ModelCIF file with pLDDT and N, C-alpha, C, O atoms, coordinates in Angstrom:
data_MODEL
#
_entry.id   MODEL 
#
_entity.id                         1 
_entity.type                       polymer 
_entity.pdbx_number_of_molecules   1 
#
_entity_poly.entity_id                      1 
_entity_poly.type                           'polypeptide(L)' 
_entity_poly.nstd_linkage                   no 
_entity_poly.nstd_monomer                   no 
_entity_poly.pdbx_seq_one_letter_code       KLNRPERHNALDEQLIHDTHRAFDLLAGNPAVRVIVLCSDGPSFCAGA 
_entity_poly.pdbx_seq_one_letter_code_can   KLNRPERHNALDEQLIHDTHRAFDLLAGNPAVRVIVLCSDGPSFCAGA 
_entity_poly.pdbx_strand_id                 A 
#
loop_
_entity_poly_seq.entity_id 
_entity_poly_seq.num 
_entity_poly_seq.mon_id 
_entity_poly_seq.hetero 
1 1  LYS n 
1 2  LEU n 
1 3  ASN n 
1 4  ARG n 
1 5  PRO n 
1 6  GLU n 
1 7  ARG n 
1 8  HIS n 
1 9  ASN n 
1 10 ALA n 
1 11 LEU n 
1 12 ASP n 
1 13 GLU n 
1 14 GLN n 
1 15 LEU n 
1 16 ILE n 
1 17 HIS n 
1 18 ASP n 
1 19 THR n 
1 20 HIS n 
1 21 ARG n 
1 22 ALA n 
1 23 PHE n 
1 24 ASP n 
1 25 LEU n 
1 26 LEU n 
1 27 ALA n 
1 28 GLY n 
1 29 ASN n 
1 30 PRO n 
1 31 ALA n 
1 32 VAL n 
1 33 ARG n 
1 34 VAL n 
1 35 ILE n 
1 36 VAL n 
1 37 LEU n 
1 38 CYS n 
1 39 SER n 
1 40 ASP n 
1 41 GLY n 
1 42 PRO n 
1 43 SER n 
1 44 PHE n 
1 45 CYS n 
1 46 ALA n 
1 47 GLY n 
1 48 ALA n 
#
_struct_asym.id          A 
_struct_asym.entity_id   1 
#
loop_
_ma_qa_metric.id 
_ma_qa_metric.mode 
_ma_qa_metric.name 
_ma_qa_metric.software_group_id 
_ma_qa_metric.type 
1 global pLDDT . pLDDT 
2 local  pLDDT . pLDDT 
#
_ma_qa_metric_global.metric_id      1 
_ma_qa_metric_global.metric_value   95.23 
_ma_qa_metric_global.model_id       1 
_ma_qa_metric_global.ordinal_id     1 
#
loop_
_ma_qa_metric_local.label_asym_id 
_ma_qa_metric_local.label_comp_id 
_ma_qa_metric_local.label_seq_id 
_ma_qa_metric_local.metric_id 
_ma_qa_metric_local.metric_value 
_ma_qa_metric_local.model_id 
_ma_qa_metric_local.ordinal_id 
A LYS 1  2 97.00 1 1  
A LEU 2  2 97.00 1 2  
A ASN 3  2 96.00 1 3  
A ARG 4  2 95.00 1 4  
A PRO 5  2 94.00 1 5  
A GLU 6  2 94.00 1 6  
A ARG 7  2 93.00 1 7  
A HIS 8  2 95.00 1 8  
A ASN 9  2 96.00 1 9  
A ALA 10 2 93.00 1 10 
A LEU 11 2 93.00 1 11 
A ASP 12 2 91.00 1 12 
A GLU 13 2 91.00 1 13 
A GLN 14 2 92.00 1 14 
A LEU 15 2 95.00 1 15 
A ILE 16 2 95.00 1 16 
A HIS 17 2 94.00 1 17 
A ASP 18 2 96.00 1 18 
A THR 19 2 96.00 1 19 
A HIS 20 2 96.00 1 20 
A ARG 21 2 96.00 1 21 
A ALA 22 2 96.00 1 22 
A PHE 23 2 96.00 1 23 
A ASP 24 2 96.00 1 24 
A LEU 25 2 97.00 1 25 
A LEU 26 2 97.00 1 26 
A ALA 27 2 96.00 1 27 
A GLY 28 2 96.00 1 28 
A ASN 29 2 97.00 1 29 
A PRO 30 2 95.00 1 30 
A ALA 31 2 96.00 1 31 
A VAL 32 2 98.00 1 32 
A ARG 33 2 98.00 1 33 
A VAL 34 2 98.00 1 34 
A ILE 35 2 98.00 1 35 
A VAL 36 2 98.00 1 36 
A LEU 37 2 98.00 1 37 
A CYS 38 2 98.00 1 38 
A SER 39 2 97.00 1 39 
A ASP 40 2 92.00 1 40 
A GLY 41 2 94.00 1 41 
A PRO 42 2 95.00 1 42 
A SER 43 2 97.00 1 43 
A PHE 44 2 98.00 1 44 
A CYS 45 2 97.00 1 45 
A ALA 46 2 95.00 1 46 
A GLY 47 2 90.00 1 47 
A ALA 48 2 83.00 1 48 
#
loop_
_atom_site.group_PDB 
_atom_site.id 
_atom_site.type_symbol 
_atom_site.label_atom_id 
_atom_site.label_alt_id 
_atom_site.label_comp_id 
_atom_site.label_asym_id 
_atom_site.label_entity_id 
_atom_site.label_seq_id 
_atom_site.pdbx_PDB_ins_code 
_atom_site.Cartn_x 
_atom_site.Cartn_y 
_atom_site.Cartn_z 
_atom_site.occupancy 
_atom_site.B_iso_or_equiv 
_atom_site.pdbx_formal_charge 
_atom_site.auth_seq_id 
_atom_site.auth_comp_id 
_atom_site.auth_asym_id 
_atom_site.auth_atom_id 
_atom_site.pdbx_PDB_model_num 
ATOM 1   N N  . LYS A 1 1  ? 0.853  -1.201  0.031   1.00 97.00 ? 1  LYS A N  1 
ATOM 2   C CA . LYS A 1 1  ? 0.146  0.058   0.039   1.00 97.00 ? 1  LYS A CA 1 
ATOM 3   C C  . LYS A 1 1  ? 0.785  1.204   0.034   1.00 97.00 ? 1  LYS A C  1 
ATOM 4   O O  . LYS A 1 1  ? 1.585  1.462   0.933   1.00 97.00 ? 1  LYS A O  1 
ATOM 5   N N  . LEU A 1 2  ? 0.516  2.125   -1.040  1.00 97.00 ? 2  LEU A N  1 
ATOM 6   C CA . LEU A 1 2  ? 1.228  3.580   -0.923  1.00 97.00 ? 2  LEU A CA 1 
ATOM 7   C C  . LEU A 1 2  ? 0.633  4.194   0.091   1.00 97.00 ? 2  LEU A C  1 
ATOM 8   O O  . LEU A 1 2  ? -0.592 4.300   0.041   1.00 97.00 ? 2  LEU A O  1 
ATOM 9   N N  . ASN A 1 3  ? 1.357  4.729   1.226   1.00 96.00 ? 3  ASN A N  1 
ATOM 10  C CA . ASN A 1 3  ? 0.553  5.463   2.264   1.00 96.00 ? 3  ASN A CA 1 
ATOM 11  C C  . ASN A 1 3  ? 1.217  6.965   2.375   1.00 96.00 ? 3  ASN A C  1 
ATOM 12  O O  . ASN A 1 3  ? 1.988  7.368   3.247   1.00 96.00 ? 3  ASN A O  1 
ATOM 13  N N  . ARG A 1 4  ? 0.715  7.649   1.285   1.00 95.00 ? 4  ARG A N  1 
ATOM 14  C CA . ARG A 1 4  ? 1.325  9.156   1.434   1.00 95.00 ? 4  ARG A CA 1 
ATOM 15  C C  . ARG A 1 4  ? 0.119  10.029  1.069   1.00 95.00 ? 4  ARG A C  1 
ATOM 16  O O  . ARG A 1 4  ? 0.183  10.948  0.251   1.00 95.00 ? 4  ARG A O  1 
ATOM 17  N N  . PRO A 1 5  ? -0.992 9.667   1.742   1.00 94.00 ? 5  PRO A N  1 
ATOM 18  C CA . PRO A 1 5  ? -2.193 10.326  1.230   1.00 94.00 ? 5  PRO A CA 1 
ATOM 19  C C  . PRO A 1 5  ? -2.271 11.782  1.234   1.00 94.00 ? 5  PRO A C  1 
ATOM 20  O O  . PRO A 1 5  ? -3.025 12.404  0.487   1.00 94.00 ? 5  PRO A O  1 
ATOM 21  N N  . GLU A 1 6  ? -1.425 12.361  2.146   1.00 94.00 ? 6  GLU A N  1 
ATOM 22  C CA . GLU A 1 6  ? -1.568 14.059  2.299   1.00 94.00 ? 6  GLU A CA 1 
ATOM 23  C C  . GLU A 1 6  ? -0.863 14.574  0.941   1.00 94.00 ? 6  GLU A C  1 
ATOM 24  O O  . GLU A 1 6  ? -1.018 15.703  0.474   1.00 94.00 ? 6  GLU A O  1 
ATOM 25  N N  . ARG A 1 7  ? -0.093 13.590  0.410   1.00 93.00 ? 7  ARG A N  1 
ATOM 26  C CA . ARG A 1 7  ? 0.554  14.193  -1.226  1.00 93.00 ? 7  ARG A CA 1 
ATOM 27  C C  . ARG A 1 7  ? -0.194 13.412  -2.169  1.00 93.00 ? 7  ARG A C  1 
ATOM 28  O O  . ARG A 1 7  ? 0.327  13.412  -3.285  1.00 93.00 ? 7  ARG A O  1 
ATOM 29  N N  . HIS A 1 8  ? -1.278 12.729  -2.069  1.00 95.00 ? 8  HIS A N  1 
ATOM 30  C CA . HIS A 1 8  ? -2.088 12.043  -3.052  1.00 95.00 ? 8  HIS A CA 1 
ATOM 31  C C  . HIS A 1 8  ? -1.157 10.832  -3.626  1.00 95.00 ? 8  HIS A C  1 
ATOM 32  O O  . HIS A 1 8  ? -1.419 10.332  -4.720  1.00 95.00 ? 8  HIS A O  1 
ATOM 33  N N  . ASN A 1 9  ? -0.226 10.453  -2.955  1.00 96.00 ? 9  ASN A N  1 
ATOM 34  C CA . ASN A 1 9  ? 0.513  9.182   -3.104  1.00 96.00 ? 9  ASN A CA 1 
ATOM 35  C C  . ASN A 1 9  ? 1.598  9.446   -4.173  1.00 96.00 ? 9  ASN A C  1 
ATOM 36  O O  . ASN A 1 9  ? 2.056  8.538   -4.867  1.00 96.00 ? 9  ASN A O  1 
ATOM 37  N N  . ALA A 1 10 ? 2.047  10.942  -4.284  1.00 93.00 ? 10 ALA A N  1 
ATOM 38  C CA . ALA A 1 10 ? 2.892  11.351  -5.341  1.00 93.00 ? 10 ALA A CA 1 
ATOM 39  C C  . ALA A 1 10 ? 4.271  10.640  -5.167  1.00 93.00 ? 10 ALA A C  1 
ATOM 40  O O  . ALA A 1 10 ? 4.676  10.338  -4.045  1.00 93.00 ? 10 ALA A O  1 
ATOM 41  N N  . LEU A 1 11 ? 4.983  10.378  -6.299  1.00 93.00 ? 11 LEU A N  1 
ATOM 42  C CA . LEU A 1 11 ? 6.042  9.594   -6.150  1.00 93.00 ? 11 LEU A CA 1 
ATOM 43  C C  . LEU A 1 11 ? 7.155  10.534  -6.084  1.00 93.00 ? 11 LEU A C  1 
ATOM 44  O O  . LEU A 1 11 ? 7.281  11.508  -6.826  1.00 93.00 ? 11 LEU A O  1 
ATOM 45  N N  . ASP A 1 12 ? 8.119  10.116  -4.964  1.00 91.00 ? 12 ASP A N  1 
ATOM 46  C CA . ASP A 1 12 ? 9.405  10.827  -4.739  1.00 91.00 ? 12 ASP A CA 1 
ATOM 47  C C  . ASP A 1 12 ? 10.328 9.923   -4.504  1.00 91.00 ? 12 ASP A C  1 
ATOM 48  O O  . ASP A 1 12 ? 9.944  8.762   -4.365  1.00 91.00 ? 12 ASP A O  1 
ATOM 49  N N  . GLU A 1 13 ? 11.646 10.201  -4.411  1.00 91.00 ? 13 GLU A N  1 
ATOM 50  C CA . GLU A 1 13 ? 12.739 9.328   -4.064  1.00 91.00 ? 13 GLU A CA 1 
ATOM 51  C C  . GLU A 1 13 ? 12.448 8.135   -3.018  1.00 91.00 ? 13 GLU A C  1 
ATOM 52  O O  . GLU A 1 13 ? 12.750 6.948   -3.142  1.00 91.00 ? 13 GLU A O  1 
ATOM 53  N N  . GLN A 1 14 ? 11.794 8.757   -1.978  1.00 92.00 ? 14 GLN A N  1 
ATOM 54  C CA . GLN A 1 14 ? 11.707 7.856   -0.796  1.00 92.00 ? 14 GLN A CA 1 
ATOM 55  C C  . GLN A 1 14 ? 10.691 6.830   -1.040  1.00 92.00 ? 14 GLN A C  1 
ATOM 56  O O  . GLN A 1 14 ? 10.865 5.682   -0.631  1.00 92.00 ? 14 GLN A O  1 
ATOM 57  N N  . LEU A 1 15 ? 9.405  7.256   -1.827  1.00 95.00 ? 15 LEU A N  1 
ATOM 58  C CA . LEU A 1 15 ? 8.295  6.473   -2.021  1.00 95.00 ? 15 LEU A CA 1 
ATOM 59  C C  . LEU A 1 15 ? 9.030  5.443   -3.060  1.00 95.00 ? 15 LEU A C  1 
ATOM 60  O O  . LEU A 1 15 ? 9.119  4.254   -2.754  1.00 95.00 ? 15 LEU A O  1 
ATOM 61  N N  . ILE A 1 16 ? 9.422  5.812   -3.988  1.00 95.00 ? 16 ILE A N  1 
ATOM 62  C CA . ILE A 1 16 ? 9.975  4.942   -5.094  1.00 95.00 ? 16 ILE A CA 1 
ATOM 63  C C  . ILE A 1 16 ? 10.928 3.808   -4.341  1.00 95.00 ? 16 ILE A C  1 
ATOM 64  O O  . ILE A 1 16 ? 10.713 2.599   -4.435  1.00 95.00 ? 16 ILE A O  1 
ATOM 65  N N  . HIS A 1 17 ? 11.843 4.303   -3.700  1.00 94.00 ? 17 HIS A N  1 
ATOM 66  C CA . HIS A 1 17 ? 12.750 3.302   -3.059  1.00 94.00 ? 17 HIS A CA 1 
ATOM 67  C C  . HIS A 1 17 ? 12.149 2.446   -2.235  1.00 94.00 ? 17 HIS A C  1 
ATOM 68  O O  . HIS A 1 17 ? 12.477 1.260   -2.243  1.00 94.00 ? 17 HIS A O  1 
ATOM 69  N N  . ASP A 1 18 ? 11.264 2.884   -1.478  1.00 96.00 ? 18 ASP A N  1 
ATOM 70  C CA . ASP A 1 18 ? 10.655 1.880   -0.385  1.00 96.00 ? 18 ASP A CA 1 
ATOM 71  C C  . ASP A 1 18 ? 9.437  0.820   -1.013  1.00 96.00 ? 18 ASP A C  1 
ATOM 72  O O  . ASP A 1 18 ? 9.228  -0.336  -0.645  1.00 96.00 ? 18 ASP A O  1 
ATOM 73  N N  . THR A 1 19 ? 8.736  1.566   -2.037  1.00 96.00 ? 19 THR A N  1 
ATOM 74  C CA . THR A 1 19 ? 7.865  0.744   -2.856  1.00 96.00 ? 19 THR A CA 1 
ATOM 75  C C  . THR A 1 19 ? 8.916  -0.530  -3.466  1.00 96.00 ? 19 THR A C  1 
ATOM 76  O O  . THR A 1 19 ? 8.752  -1.707  -3.144  1.00 96.00 ? 19 THR A O  1 
ATOM 77  N N  . HIS A 1 20 ? 9.804  -0.146  -4.224  1.00 96.00 ? 20 HIS A N  1 
ATOM 78  C CA . HIS A 1 20 ? 10.660 -1.221  -4.827  1.00 96.00 ? 20 HIS A CA 1 
ATOM 79  C C  . HIS A 1 20 ? 11.106 -2.274  -3.916  1.00 96.00 ? 20 HIS A C  1 
ATOM 80  O O  . HIS A 1 20 ? 10.966 -3.463  -4.204  1.00 96.00 ? 20 HIS A O  1 
ATOM 81  N N  . ARG A 1 21 ? 11.710 -1.821  -2.682  1.00 96.00 ? 21 ARG A N  1 
ATOM 82  C CA . ARG A 1 21 ? 12.297 -2.855  -1.795  1.00 96.00 ? 21 ARG A CA 1 
ATOM 83  C C  . ARG A 1 21 ? 11.039 -3.610  -1.143  1.00 96.00 ? 21 ARG A C  1 
ATOM 84  O O  . ARG A 1 21 ? 11.209 -4.795  -0.856  1.00 96.00 ? 21 ARG A O  1 
ATOM 85  N N  . ALA A 1 22 ? 9.809  -3.032  -0.890  1.00 96.00 ? 22 ALA A N  1 
ATOM 86  C CA . ALA A 1 22 ? 8.585  -4.000  -0.486  1.00 96.00 ? 22 ALA A CA 1 
ATOM 87  C C  . ALA A 1 22 ? 8.275  -4.856  -1.666  1.00 96.00 ? 22 ALA A C  1 
ATOM 88  O O  . ALA A 1 22 ? 8.104  -6.048  -1.413  1.00 96.00 ? 22 ALA A O  1 
ATOM 89  N N  . PHE A 1 23 ? 8.176  -4.488  -2.860  1.00 96.00 ? 23 PHE A N  1 
ATOM 90  C CA . PHE A 1 23 ? 7.814  -5.218  -3.965  1.00 96.00 ? 23 PHE A CA 1 
ATOM 91  C C  . PHE A 1 23 ? 8.691  -6.458  -4.098  1.00 96.00 ? 23 PHE A C  1 
ATOM 92  O O  . PHE A 1 23 ? 8.254  -7.583  -4.339  1.00 96.00 ? 23 PHE A O  1 
ATOM 93  N N  . ASP A 1 24 ? 10.129 -6.102  -3.894  1.00 96.00 ? 24 ASP A N  1 
ATOM 94  C CA . ASP A 1 24 ? 11.042 -7.255  -3.880  1.00 96.00 ? 24 ASP A CA 1 
ATOM 95  C C  . ASP A 1 24 ? 10.902 -8.327  -2.910  1.00 96.00 ? 24 ASP A C  1 
ATOM 96  O O  . ASP A 1 24 ? 11.200 -9.504  -3.115  1.00 96.00 ? 24 ASP A O  1 
ATOM 97  N N  . LEU A 1 25 ? 10.379 -7.785  -1.727  1.00 97.00 ? 25 LEU A N  1 
ATOM 98  C CA . LEU A 1 25 ? 10.067 -8.793  -0.689  1.00 97.00 ? 25 LEU A CA 1 
ATOM 99  C C  . LEU A 1 25 ? 9.001  -9.691  -0.848  1.00 97.00 ? 25 LEU A C  1 
ATOM 100 O O  . LEU A 1 25 ? 8.974  -10.870 -0.495  1.00 97.00 ? 25 LEU A O  1 
ATOM 101 N N  . LEU A 1 26 ? 8.089  -9.015  -1.431  1.00 97.00 ? 26 LEU A N  1 
ATOM 102 C CA . LEU A 1 26 ? 6.660  -9.841  -1.747  1.00 97.00 ? 26 LEU A CA 1 
ATOM 103 C C  . LEU A 1 26 ? 7.044  -10.825 -2.771  1.00 97.00 ? 26 LEU A C  1 
ATOM 104 O O  . LEU A 1 26 ? 6.815  -12.012 -2.541  1.00 97.00 ? 26 LEU A O  1 
ATOM 105 N N  . ALA A 1 27 ? 7.663  -10.432 -4.000  1.00 96.00 ? 27 ALA A N  1 
ATOM 106 C CA . ALA A 1 27 ? 8.019  -11.107 -5.040  1.00 96.00 ? 27 ALA A CA 1 
ATOM 107 C C  . ALA A 1 27 ? 8.913  -12.566 -4.625  1.00 96.00 ? 27 ALA A C  1 
ATOM 108 O O  . ALA A 1 27 ? 8.762  -13.684 -5.116  1.00 96.00 ? 27 ALA A O  1 
ATOM 109 N N  . GLY A 1 28 ? 9.787  -12.175 -3.661  1.00 96.00 ? 28 GLY A N  1 
ATOM 110 C CA . GLY A 1 28 ? 10.618 -13.201 -3.161  1.00 96.00 ? 28 GLY A CA 1 
ATOM 111 C C  . GLY A 1 28 ? 10.114 -14.140 -2.116  1.00 96.00 ? 28 GLY A C  1 
ATOM 112 O O  . GLY A 1 28 ? 10.789 -15.092 -1.725  1.00 96.00 ? 28 GLY A O  1 
ATOM 113 N N  . ASN A 1 29 ? 8.916  -13.863 -1.665  1.00 97.00 ? 29 ASN A N  1 
ATOM 114 C CA . ASN A 1 29 ? 8.296  -14.450 -0.515  1.00 97.00 ? 29 ASN A CA 1 
ATOM 115 C C  . ASN A 1 29 ? 7.456  -15.799 -1.068  1.00 97.00 ? 29 ASN A C  1 
ATOM 116 O O  . ASN A 1 29 ? 6.385  -15.690 -1.666  1.00 97.00 ? 29 ASN A O  1 
ATOM 117 N N  . PRO A 1 30 ? 8.067  -17.020 -0.794  1.00 95.00 ? 30 PRO A N  1 
ATOM 118 C CA . PRO A 1 30 ? 7.240  -18.200 -1.270  1.00 95.00 ? 30 PRO A CA 1 
ATOM 119 C C  . PRO A 1 30 ? 5.785  -18.367 -0.898  1.00 95.00 ? 30 PRO A C  1 
ATOM 120 O O  . PRO A 1 30 ? 4.953  -18.982 -1.565  1.00 95.00 ? 30 PRO A O  1 
ATOM 121 N N  . ALA A 1 31 ? 5.545  -17.643 0.437   1.00 96.00 ? 31 ALA A N  1 
ATOM 122 C CA . ALA A 1 31 ? 4.229  -17.708 0.717   1.00 96.00 ? 31 ALA A CA 1 
ATOM 123 C C  . ALA A 1 31 ? 3.168  -16.662 0.060   1.00 96.00 ? 31 ALA A C  1 
ATOM 124 O O  . ALA A 1 31 ? 1.962  -16.718 0.300   1.00 96.00 ? 31 ALA A O  1 
ATOM 125 N N  . VAL A 1 32 ? 3.709  -15.800 -0.712  1.00 98.00 ? 32 VAL A N  1 
ATOM 126 C CA . VAL A 1 32 ? 2.938  -15.049 -1.551  1.00 98.00 ? 32 VAL A CA 1 
ATOM 127 C C  . VAL A 1 32 ? 2.517  -15.522 -3.050  1.00 98.00 ? 32 VAL A C  1 
ATOM 128 O O  . VAL A 1 32 ? 3.427  -15.729 -3.854  1.00 98.00 ? 32 VAL A O  1 
ATOM 129 N N  . ARG A 1 33 ? 1.335  -15.675 -3.398  1.00 98.00 ? 33 ARG A N  1 
ATOM 130 C CA . ARG A 1 33 ? 0.950  -16.167 -4.643  1.00 98.00 ? 33 ARG A CA 1 
ATOM 131 C C  . ARG A 1 33 ? 0.305  -14.999 -5.596  1.00 98.00 ? 33 ARG A C  1 
ATOM 132 O O  . ARG A 1 33 ? 0.246  -15.125 -6.819  1.00 98.00 ? 33 ARG A O  1 
ATOM 133 N N  . VAL A 1 34 ? -0.134 -13.941 -4.947  1.00 98.00 ? 34 VAL A N  1 
ATOM 134 C CA . VAL A 1 34 ? -0.654 -12.866 -5.650  1.00 98.00 ? 34 VAL A CA 1 
ATOM 135 C C  . VAL A 1 34 ? -0.366 -11.476 -4.961  1.00 98.00 ? 34 VAL A C  1 
ATOM 136 O O  . VAL A 1 34 ? -0.575 -11.337 -3.756  1.00 98.00 ? 34 VAL A O  1 
ATOM 137 N N  . ILE A 1 35 ? 0.050  -10.589 -5.640  1.00 98.00 ? 35 ILE A N  1 
ATOM 138 C CA . ILE A 1 35 ? 0.430  -9.196  -5.156  1.00 98.00 ? 35 ILE A CA 1 
ATOM 139 C C  . ILE A 1 35 ? -0.784 -8.165  -5.506  1.00 98.00 ? 35 ILE A C  1 
ATOM 140 O O  . ILE A 1 35 ? -1.378 -8.178  -6.584  1.00 98.00 ? 35 ILE A O  1 
ATOM 141 N N  . VAL A 1 36 ? -1.018 -7.411  -4.600  1.00 98.00 ? 36 VAL A N  1 
ATOM 142 C CA . VAL A 1 36 ? -2.093 -6.310  -4.695  1.00 98.00 ? 36 VAL A CA 1 
ATOM 143 C C  . VAL A 1 36 ? -1.360 -5.161  -4.403  1.00 98.00 ? 36 VAL A C  1 
ATOM 144 O O  . VAL A 1 36 ? -0.719 -4.958  -3.371  1.00 98.00 ? 36 VAL A O  1 
ATOM 145 N N  . LEU A 1 37 ? -1.516 -4.236  -5.601  1.00 98.00 ? 37 LEU A N  1 
ATOM 146 C CA . LEU A 1 37 ? -0.868 -2.684  -5.317  1.00 98.00 ? 37 LEU A CA 1 
ATOM 147 C C  . LEU A 1 37 ? -2.048 -1.828  -5.193  1.00 98.00 ? 37 LEU A C  1 
ATOM 148 O O  . LEU A 1 37 ? -2.960 -1.754  -6.016  1.00 98.00 ? 37 LEU A O  1 
ATOM 149 N N  . CYS A 1 38 ? -1.934 -1.097  -3.932  1.00 98.00 ? 38 CYS A N  1 
ATOM 150 C CA . CYS A 1 38 ? -2.981 -0.342  -3.626  1.00 98.00 ? 38 CYS A CA 1 
ATOM 151 C C  . CYS A 1 38 ? -2.558 0.929   -2.843  1.00 98.00 ? 38 CYS A C  1 
ATOM 152 O O  . CYS A 1 38 ? -1.373 1.080   -2.545  1.00 98.00 ? 38 CYS A O  1 
ATOM 153 N N  . SER A 1 39 ? -3.540 1.892   -2.486  1.00 97.00 ? 39 SER A N  1 
ATOM 154 C CA . SER A 1 39 ? -3.166 3.048   -1.968  1.00 97.00 ? 39 SER A CA 1 
ATOM 155 C C  . SER A 1 39 ? -4.309 3.483   -0.862  1.00 97.00 ? 39 SER A C  1 
ATOM 156 O O  . SER A 1 39 ? -5.461 3.082   -0.696  1.00 97.00 ? 39 SER A O  1 
ATOM 157 N N  . ASP A 1 40 ? -3.552 4.423   -0.206  1.00 92.00 ? 40 ASP A N  1 
ATOM 158 C CA . ASP A 1 40 ? -4.400 4.876   0.964   1.00 92.00 ? 40 ASP A CA 1 
ATOM 159 C C  . ASP A 1 40 ? -4.751 6.507   0.687   1.00 92.00 ? 40 ASP A C  1 
ATOM 160 O O  . ASP A 1 40 ? -3.900 7.263   0.218   1.00 92.00 ? 40 ASP A O  1 
ATOM 161 N N  . GLY A 1 41 ? -6.022 6.917   1.012   1.00 94.00 ? 41 GLY A N  1 
ATOM 162 C CA . GLY A 1 41 ? -6.470 8.199   0.601   1.00 94.00 ? 41 GLY A CA 1 
ATOM 163 C C  . GLY A 1 41 ? -7.210 8.319   -0.591  1.00 94.00 ? 41 GLY A C  1 
ATOM 164 O O  . GLY A 1 41 ? -7.485 7.350   -1.298  1.00 94.00 ? 41 GLY A O  1 
ATOM 165 N N  . PRO A 1 42 ? -7.574 9.595   -0.857  1.00 95.00 ? 42 PRO A N  1 
ATOM 166 C CA . PRO A 1 42 ? -8.506 10.006  -2.030  1.00 95.00 ? 42 PRO A CA 1 
ATOM 167 C C  . PRO A 1 42 ? -7.954 9.359   -3.450  1.00 95.00 ? 42 PRO A C  1 
ATOM 168 O O  . PRO A 1 42 ? -8.706 8.828   -4.267  1.00 95.00 ? 42 PRO A O  1 
ATOM 169 N N  . SER A 1 43 ? -6.690 9.470   -3.597  1.00 97.00 ? 43 SER A N  1 
ATOM 170 C CA . SER A 1 43 ? -6.037 9.338   -4.765  1.00 97.00 ? 43 SER A CA 1 
ATOM 171 C C  . SER A 1 43 ? -5.101 8.108   -5.062  1.00 97.00 ? 43 SER A C  1 
ATOM 172 O O  . SER A 1 43 ? -4.099 7.954   -4.363  1.00 97.00 ? 43 SER A O  1 
ATOM 173 N N  . PHE A 1 44 ? -5.354 7.356   -5.929  1.00 98.00 ? 44 PHE A N  1 
ATOM 174 C CA . PHE A 1 44 ? -4.360 6.215   -6.083  1.00 98.00 ? 44 PHE A CA 1 
ATOM 175 C C  . PHE A 1 44 ? -2.920 6.726   -6.288  1.00 98.00 ? 44 PHE A C  1 
ATOM 176 O O  . PHE A 1 44 ? -2.084 6.341   -5.471  1.00 98.00 ? 44 PHE A O  1 
ATOM 177 N N  . CYS A 1 45 ? -2.547 7.515   -7.242  1.00 97.00 ? 45 CYS A N  1 
ATOM 178 C CA . CYS A 1 45 ? -1.206 8.193   -7.222  1.00 97.00 ? 45 CYS A CA 1 
ATOM 179 C C  . CYS A 1 45 ? -1.280 9.238   -8.155  1.00 97.00 ? 45 CYS A C  1 
ATOM 180 O O  . CYS A 1 45 ? -1.732 9.048   -9.285  1.00 97.00 ? 45 CYS A O  1 
ATOM 181 N N  . ALA A 1 46 ? -0.802 10.509  -7.703  1.00 95.00 ? 46 ALA A N  1 
ATOM 182 C CA . ALA A 1 46 ? -0.936 11.621  -8.440  1.00 95.00 ? 46 ALA A CA 1 
ATOM 183 C C  . ALA A 1 46 ? 0.272  11.800  -9.315  1.00 95.00 ? 46 ALA A C  1 
ATOM 184 O O  . ALA A 1 46 ? 0.533  12.878  -9.849  1.00 95.00 ? 46 ALA A O  1 
ATOM 185 N N  . GLY A 1 47 ? 0.991  10.735  -9.446  1.00 90.00 ? 47 GLY A N  1 
ATOM 186 C CA . GLY A 1 47 ? 2.108  11.095  -10.511 1.00 90.00 ? 47 GLY A CA 1 
ATOM 187 C C  . GLY A 1 47 ? 3.345  11.316  -9.600  1.00 90.00 ? 47 GLY A C  1 
ATOM 188 O O  . GLY A 1 47 ? 3.478  10.939  -8.435  1.00 90.00 ? 47 GLY A O  1 
ATOM 189 N N  . ALA A 1 48 ? 4.252  12.029  -10.399 1.00 83.00 ? 48 ALA A N  1 
ATOM 190 C CA . ALA A 1 48 ? 5.580  12.706  -9.624  1.00 83.00 ? 48 ALA A CA 1 
ATOM 191 C C  . ALA A 1 48 ? 5.299  13.651  -8.727  1.00 83.00 ? 48 ALA A C  1 
ATOM 192 O O  . ALA A 1 48 ? 6.207  14.205  -8.108  1.00 83.00 ? 48 ALA A O  1 
#
């Protein structure tokens, strides 16, 4: 979950870095069969 609702989940260095790290952890977890990408707040992602 992207959790930067006060900025409409806009992408910056920190959000990109942490999202990539979290995604790699889920992709490499044998207990995970499906990955859901979601967001908190009124916007999914306002872009950069």
